[in-house]
């Protein structure tokens, strides 16, 4: 899962499995924070940024689809 994330900036976990995706993202953030000088962390940061941008787009699109209250 980590290798896929680093390469693709996404997780090989379905988007409806939010808890599992959130946990893996939290693990990635922990690695970035624990090893900030690691050579792979630069790519992990880029992938995390890409992932977060995608998640935000999905969240906004989902909100737009909800019926007005």
PDB file of N, CA and C in Angstrom:
ATOM      1  N   UNK A   1       0.815  -1.194   0.000  1.00  0.00           N
ATOM      2  CA  UNK A   1       0.000   0.000   0.000  1.00  0.00           C
ATOM      3  C   UNK A   1       0.861   1.262   0.000  1.00  0.00           C
ATOM      4  N   UNK A   2       1.938   1.236   0.782  1.00  0.00           N
ATOM      5  CA  UNK A   2       2.809   2.408   0.844  1.00  0.00           C
ATOM      6  C   UNK A   2       3.498   2.662  -0.493  1.00  0.00           C
ATOM      7  N   UNK A   3       3.979   1.604  -1.115  1.00  0.00           N
ATOM      8  CA  UNK A   3       4.657   1.769  -2.404  1.00  0.00           C
ATOM      9  C   UNK A   3       3.695   2.326  -3.452  1.00  0.00           C
ATOM     10  N   UNK A   4       2.494   1.808  -3.480  1.00  0.00           N
ATOM     11  CA  UNK A   4       1.481   2.315  -4.412  1.00  0.00           C
ATOM     12  C   UNK A   4       1.217   3.786  -4.142  1.00  0.00           C
ATOM     13  N   UNK A   5       1.079   4.132  -2.867  1.00  0.00           N
ATOM     14  CA  UNK A   5       0.828   5.519  -2.502  1.00  0.00           C
ATOM     15  C   UNK A   5       1.954   6.428  -2.984  1.00  0.00           C
ATOM     16  N   UNK A   6       3.182   6.034  -2.738  1.00  0.00           N
ATOM     17  CA  UNK A   6       4.329   6.859  -3.140  1.00  0.00           C
ATOM     18  C   UNK A   6       4.338   7.044  -4.654  1.00  0.00           C
ATOM     19  N   UNK A   7       4.050   5.999  -5.372  1.00  0.00           N
ATOM     20  CA  UNK A   7       4.076   6.064  -6.835  1.00  0.00           C
ATOM     21  C   UNK A   7       2.891   6.839  -7.412  1.00  0.00           C
ATOM     22  N   UNK A   8       1.694   6.604  -6.895  1.00  0.00           N
ATOM     23  CA  UNK A   8       0.474   7.122  -7.510  1.00  0.00           C
ATOM     24  C   UNK A   8      -0.151   8.321  -6.807  1.00  0.00           C
ATOM     25  N   UNK A   9       0.186   8.551  -5.550  1.00  0.00           N
ATOM     26  CA  UNK A   9      -0.460   9.634  -4.811  1.00  0.00           C
ATOM     27  C   UNK A   9      -1.893   9.304  -4.450  1.00  0.00           C
ATOM     28  N   UNK A  10      -2.183   8.034  -4.392  1.00  0.00           N
ATOM     29  CA  UNK A  10      -3.509   7.563  -4.002  1.00  0.00           C
ATOM     30  C   UNK A  10      -3.312   6.247  -3.250  1.00  0.00           C
ATOM     31  N   UNK A  11      -4.377   5.755  -2.695  1.00  0.00           N
ATOM     32  CA  UNK A  11      -4.310   4.504  -1.953  1.00  0.00           C
ATOM     33  C   UNK A  11      -5.070   3.421  -2.701  1.00  0.00           C
ATOM     34  N   UNK A  12      -4.566   2.200  -2.653  1.00  0.00           N
ATOM     35  CA  UNK A  12      -5.266   1.104  -3.327  1.00  0.00           C
ATOM     36  C   UNK A  12      -6.417   0.577  -2.477  1.00  0.00           C
ATOM     37  N   UNK A  13      -7.141   1.519  -1.884  1.00  0.00           N
ATOM     38  CA  UNK A  13      -8.268   1.192  -1.015  1.00  0.00           C
ATOM     39  C   UNK A  13      -9.460   1.988  -1.519  1.00  0.00           C
ATOM     40  N   UNK A  14     -10.581   1.347  -1.671  1.00  0.00           N
ATOM     41  CA  UNK A  14     -11.777   2.019  -2.195  1.00  0.00           C
ATOM     42  C   UNK A  14     -12.111   3.246  -1.359  1.00  0.00           C
ATOM     43  N   UNK A  15     -12.573   4.291  -2.028  1.00  0.00           N
ATOM     44  CA  UNK A  15     -12.842   5.556  -1.347  1.00  0.00           C
ATOM     45  C   UNK A  15     -13.952   5.449  -0.308  1.00  0.00           C
ATOM     46  N   UNK A  16     -14.844   4.487  -0.444  1.00  0.00           N
ATOM     47  CA  UNK A  16     -15.906   4.343   0.553  1.00  0.00           C
ATOM     48  C   UNK A  16     -15.390   3.708   1.850  1.00  0.00           C
ATOM     49  N   UNK A  17     -14.175   3.187   1.849  1.00  0.00           N
ATOM     50  CA  UNK A  17     -13.554   2.643   3.065  1.00  0.00           C
ATOM     51  C   UNK A  17     -12.751   3.753   3.747  1.00  0.00           C
ATOM     52  N   UNK A  18     -13.474   4.793   4.144  1.00  0.00           N
ATOM     53  CA  UNK A  18     -12.859   6.008   4.660  1.00  0.00           C
ATOM     54  C   UNK A  18     -11.973   5.753   5.878  1.00  0.00           C
ATOM     55  N   UNK A  19     -12.414   4.932   6.799  1.00  0.00           N
ATOM     56  CA  UNK A  19     -11.619   4.683   8.009  1.00  0.00           C
ATOM     57  C   UNK A  19     -10.255   4.080   7.675  1.00  0.00           C
ATOM     58  N   UNK A  20     -10.258   3.123   6.765  1.00  0.00           N
ATOM     59  CA  UNK A  20      -8.996   2.477   6.387  1.00  0.00           C
ATOM     60  C   UNK A  20      -8.091   3.455   5.641  1.00  0.00           C
ATOM     61  N   UNK A  21      -8.674   4.270   4.760  1.00  0.00           N
ATOM     62  CA  UNK A  21      -7.890   5.273   4.033  1.00  0.00           C
ATOM     63  C   UNK A  21      -7.323   6.313   4.999  1.00  0.00           C
ATOM     64  N   UNK A  22      -8.146   6.746   5.945  1.00  0.00           N
ATOM     65  CA  UNK A  22      -7.681   7.724   6.933  1.00  0.00           C
ATOM     66  C   UNK A  22      -6.544   7.161   7.777  1.00  0.00           C
ATOM     67  N   UNK A  23      -6.660   5.897   8.174  1.00  0.00           N
ATOM     68  CA  UNK A  23      -5.612   5.277   8.983  1.00  0.00           C
ATOM     69  C   UNK A  23      -4.298   5.198   8.219  1.00  0.00           C
ATOM     70  N   UNK A  24      -4.362   4.787   6.969  1.00  0.00           N
ATOM     71  CA  UNK A  24      -3.138   4.689   6.174  1.00  0.00           C
ATOM     72  C   UNK A  24      -2.543   6.075   5.945  1.00  0.00           C
ATOM     73  N   UNK A  25      -3.381   7.072   5.699  1.00  0.00           N
ATOM     74  CA  UNK A  25      -2.882   8.440   5.546  1.00  0.00           C
ATOM     75  C   UNK A  25      -2.212   8.903   6.846  1.00  0.00           C
ATOM     76  N   UNK A  26      -2.807   8.601   7.980  1.00  0.00           N
ATOM     77  CA  UNK A  26      -2.207   8.967   9.265  1.00  0.00           C
ATOM     78  C   UNK A  26      -0.855   8.284   9.454  1.00  0.00           C
ATOM     79  N   UNK A  27      -0.749   7.036   9.032  1.00  0.00           N
ATOM     80  CA  UNK A  27       0.528   6.318   9.112  1.00  0.00           C
ATOM     81  C   UNK A  27       1.583   6.990   8.231  1.00  0.00           C
ATOM     82  N   UNK A  28       1.176   7.428   7.062  1.00  0.00           N
ATOM     83  CA  UNK A  28       2.105   8.103   6.145  1.00  0.00           C
ATOM     84  C   UNK A  28       2.572   9.424   6.738  1.00  0.00           C
ATOM     85  N   UNK A  29       1.649  10.175   7.315  1.00  0.00           N
ATOM     86  CA  UNK A  29       2.015  11.446   7.956  1.00  0.00           C
ATOM     87  C   UNK A  29       2.988  11.185   9.105  1.00  0.00           C
ATOM     88  N   UNK A  30       2.762  10.134   9.868  1.00  0.00           N
ATOM     89  CA  UNK A  30       3.656   9.794  10.977  1.00  0.00           C
ATOM     90  C   UNK A  30       5.061   9.481  10.465  1.00  0.00           C
ATOM     91  N   UNK A  31       5.149   8.752   9.363  1.00  0.00           N
ATOM     92  CA  UNK A  31       6.458   8.440   8.773  1.00  0.00           C
ATOM     93  C   UNK A  31       7.148   9.724   8.320  1.00  0.00           C
ATOM     94  N   UNK A  32       6.410  10.591   7.661  1.00  0.00           N
ATOM     95  CA  UNK A  32       6.971  11.864   7.194  1.00  0.00           C
ATOM     96  C   UNK A  32       7.505  12.670   8.382  1.00  0.00           C
ATOM     97  N   UNK A  33       6.742  12.702   9.468  1.00  0.00           N
ATOM     98  CA  UNK A  33       7.161  13.461  10.639  1.00  0.00           C
ATOM     99  C   UNK A  33       8.336  12.822  11.372  1.00  0.00           C
ATOM    100  N   UNK A  34       8.381  11.504  11.378  1.00  0.00           N
ATOM    101  CA  UNK A  34       9.442  10.801  12.102  1.00  0.00           C
ATOM    102  C   UNK A  34      10.773  10.806  11.346  1.00  0.00           C
ATOM    103  N   UNK A  35      10.703  10.800  10.031  1.00  0.00           N
ATOM    104  CA  UNK A  35      11.917  10.728   9.212  1.00  0.00           C
ATOM    105  C   UNK A  35      11.967  11.869   8.190  1.00  0.00           C
ATOM    106  N   UNK A  36      11.954  13.120   8.648  1.00  0.00           N
ATOM    107  CA  UNK A  36      11.851  14.248   7.722  1.00  0.00           C
ATOM    108  C   UNK A  36      13.027  14.382   6.748  1.00  0.00           C
ATOM    109  N   UNK A  37      14.178  13.820   7.093  1.00  0.00           N
ATOM    110  CA  UNK A  37      15.351  13.951   6.233  1.00  0.00           C
ATOM    111  C   UNK A  37      15.557  12.771   5.293  1.00  0.00           C
ATOM    112  N   UNK A  38      14.657  11.807   5.337  1.00  0.00           N
ATOM    113  CA  UNK A  38      14.767  10.639   4.471  1.00  0.00           C
ATOM    114  C   UNK A  38      14.568  11.045   3.016  1.00  0.00           C
ATOM    115  N   UNK A  39      15.300  10.415   2.136  1.00  0.00           N
ATOM    116  CA  UNK A  39      15.198  10.764   0.713  1.00  0.00           C
ATOM    117  C   UNK A  39      13.820  10.444   0.137  1.00  0.00           C
ATOM    118  N   UNK A  40      13.148   9.457   0.644  1.00  0.00           N
ATOM    119  CA  UNK A  40      11.834   9.080   0.105  1.00  0.00           C
ATOM    120  C   UNK A  40      10.726  10.013   0.596  1.00  0.00           C
ATOM    121  N   UNK A  41      10.990  10.737   1.682  1.00  0.00           N
ATOM    122  CA  UNK A  41       9.966  11.603   2.265  1.00  0.00           C
ATOM    123  C   UNK A  41       9.573  12.726   1.305  1.00  0.00           C
ATOM    124  N   UNK A  42      10.484  13.208   0.504  1.00  0.00           N
ATOM    125  CA  UNK A  42      10.143  14.245  -0.480  1.00  0.00           C
ATOM    126  C   UNK A  42       9.038  13.751  -1.406  1.00  0.00           C
ATOM    127  N   UNK A  43       9.188  12.548  -1.924  1.00  0.00           N
ATOM    128  CA  UNK A  43       8.154  11.978  -2.794  1.00  0.00           C
ATOM    129  C   UNK A  43       6.877  11.702  -2.010  1.00  0.00           C
ATOM    130  N   UNK A  44       7.020  11.266  -0.767  1.00  0.00           N
ATOM    131  CA  UNK A  44       5.835  11.005   0.050  1.00  0.00           C
ATOM    132  C   UNK A  44       5.045  12.293   0.280  1.00  0.00           C
ATOM    133  N   UNK A  45       5.740  13.398   0.486  1.00  0.00           N
ATOM    134  CA  UNK A  45       5.052  14.684   0.669  1.00  0.00           C
ATOM    135  C   UNK A  45       4.283  15.080  -0.589  1.00  0.00           C
ATOM    136  N   UNK A  46       4.917  14.899  -1.733  1.00  0.00           N
ATOM    137  CA  UNK A  46       4.242  15.213  -2.998  1.00  0.00           C
ATOM    138  C   UNK A  46       3.008  14.329  -3.181  1.00  0.00           C
ATOM    139  N   UNK A  47       3.149  13.063  -2.886  1.00  0.00           N
ATOM    140  CA  UNK A  47       2.027  12.136  -3.015  1.00  0.00           C
ATOM    141  C   UNK A  47       0.926  12.474  -2.020  1.00  0.00           C
ATOM    142  N   UNK A  48       1.303  12.875  -0.818  1.00  0.00           N
ATOM    143  CA  UNK A  48       0.314  13.249   0.189  1.00  0.00           C
ATOM    144  C   UNK A  48      -0.447  14.494  -0.244  1.00  0.00           C
ATOM    145  N   UNK A  49       0.250  15.457  -0.814  1.00  0.00           N
ATOM    146  CA  UNK A  49      -0.417  16.664  -1.310  1.00  0.00           C
ATOM    147  C   UNK A  49      -1.425  16.304  -2.403  1.00  0.00           C
ATOM    148  N   UNK A  50      -0.999  15.456  -3.341  1.00  0.00           N
ATOM    149  CA  UNK A  50      -1.881  15.008  -4.421  1.00  0.00           C
ATOM    150  C   UNK A  50      -3.095  14.272  -3.858  1.00  0.00           C
ATOM    151  N   UNK A  51      -2.846  13.400  -2.906  1.00  0.00           N
ATOM    152  CA  UNK A  51      -3.915  12.638  -2.272  1.00  0.00           C
ATOM    153  C   UNK A  51      -4.908  13.559  -1.574  1.00  0.00           C
ATOM    154  N   UNK A  52      -4.408  14.500  -0.793  1.00  0.00           N
ATOM    155  CA  UNK A  52      -5.285  15.422  -0.061  1.00  0.00           C
ATOM    156  C   UNK A  52      -6.112  16.286  -1.009  1.00  0.00           C
ATOM    157  N   UNK A  53      -5.515  16.732  -2.104  1.00  0.00           N
ATOM    158  CA  UNK A  53      -6.255  17.516  -3.091  1.00  0.00           C
ATOM    159  C   UNK A  53      -7.387  16.682  -3.698  1.00  0.00           C
ATOM    160  N   UNK A  54      -7.105  15.442  -4.011  1.00  0.00           N
ATOM    161  CA  UNK A  54      -8.136  14.564  -4.567  1.00  0.00           C
ATOM    162  C   UNK A  54      -9.255  14.325  -3.557  1.00  0.00           C
ATOM    163  N   UNK A  55      -8.885  14.047  -2.314  1.00  0.00           N
ATOM    164  CA  UNK A  55      -9.885  13.809  -1.273  1.00  0.00           C
ATOM    165  C   UNK A  55     -10.784  15.039  -1.099  1.00  0.00           C
ATOM    166  N   UNK A  56     -10.207  16.218  -1.175  1.00  0.00           N
ATOM    167  CA  UNK A  56     -10.995  17.447  -1.037  1.00  0.00           C
ATOM    168  C   UNK A  56     -11.966  17.596  -2.218  1.00  0.00           C
ATOM    169  N   UNK A  57     -11.521  17.283  -3.415  1.00  0.00           N
ATOM    170  CA  UNK A  57     -12.405  17.347  -4.582  1.00  0.00           C
ATOM    171  C   UNK A  57     -13.575  16.369  -4.431  1.00  0.00           C
ATOM    172  N   UNK A  58     -13.292  15.184  -3.947  1.00  0.00           N
ATOM    173  CA  UNK A  58     -14.348  14.190  -3.733  1.00  0.00           C
ATOM    174  C   UNK A  58     -15.328  14.696  -2.677  1.00  0.00           C
ATOM    175  N   UNK A  59     -14.805  15.253  -1.602  1.00  0.00           N
ATOM    176  CA  UNK A  59     -15.663  15.768  -0.531  1.00  0.00           C
ATOM    177  C   UNK A  59     -16.577  16.863  -1.052  1.00  0.00           C
ATOM    178  N   UNK A  60     -16.025  17.796  -1.825  1.00  0.00           N
ATOM    179  CA  UNK A  60     -16.830  18.891  -2.374  1.00  0.00           C
ATOM    180  C   UNK A  60     -17.885  18.375  -3.350  1.00  0.00           C
ATOM    181  N   UNK A  61     -17.503  17.434  -4.193  1.00  0.00           N
ATOM    182  CA  UNK A  61     -18.457  16.867  -5.144  1.00  0.00           C
ATOM    183  C   UNK A  61     -19.583  16.137  -4.417  1.00  0.00           C
ATOM    184  N   UNK A  62     -19.251  15.434  -3.370  1.00  0.00           N
ATOM    185  CA  UNK A  62     -20.250  14.713  -2.585  1.00  0.00           C
ATOM    186  C   UNK A  62     -21.219  15.688  -1.930  1.00  0.00           C
ATOM    187  N   UNK A  63     -20.690  16.782  -1.410  1.00  0.00           N
ATOM    188  CA  UNK A  63     -21.548  17.793  -0.795  1.00  0.00           C
ATOM    189  C   UNK A  63     -22.525  18.392  -1.807  1.00  0.00           C
ATOM    190  N   UNK A  64     -22.047  18.615  -3.036  1.00  0.00           N
ATOM    191  CA  UNK A  64     -22.901  19.189  -4.071  1.00  0.00           C
ATOM    192  C   UNK A  64     -24.035  18.251  -4.460  1.00  0.00           C
ATOM    193  N   UNK A  65     -23.823  16.957  -4.302  1.00  0.00           N
ATOM    194  CA  UNK A  65     -24.841  15.986  -4.669  1.00  0.00           C
ATOM    195  C   UNK A  65     -25.909  15.785  -3.606  1.00  0.00           C
ATOM    196  N   UNK A  66     -25.635  16.250  -2.395  1.00  0.00           N
ATOM    197  CA  UNK A  66     -26.612  16.087  -1.321  1.00  0.00           C
ATOM    198  C   UNK A  66     -27.822  17.001  -1.570  1.00  0.00           C
ATOM    199  N   UNK A  67     -28.990  16.484  -1.294  1.00  0.00           N
ATOM    200  CA  UNK A  67     -30.185  17.328  -1.466  1.00  0.00           C
ATOM    201  C   UNK A  67     -30.197  18.449  -0.420  1.00  0.00           C
ATOM    202  N   UNK A  68     -30.739  19.602  -0.769  1.00  0.00           N
ATOM    203  CA  UNK A  68     -30.800  20.694   0.205  1.00  0.00           C
ATOM    204  C   UNK A  68     -31.664  20.304   1.393  1.00  0.00           C
ATOM    205  N   UNK A  69     -31.309  20.849   2.527  1.00  0.00           N
ATOM    206  CA  UNK A  69     -32.067  20.518   3.744  1.00  0.00           C
ATOM    207  C   UNK A  69     -33.233  21.442   3.928  1.00  0.00           C
TER     208      UNK A  69
END
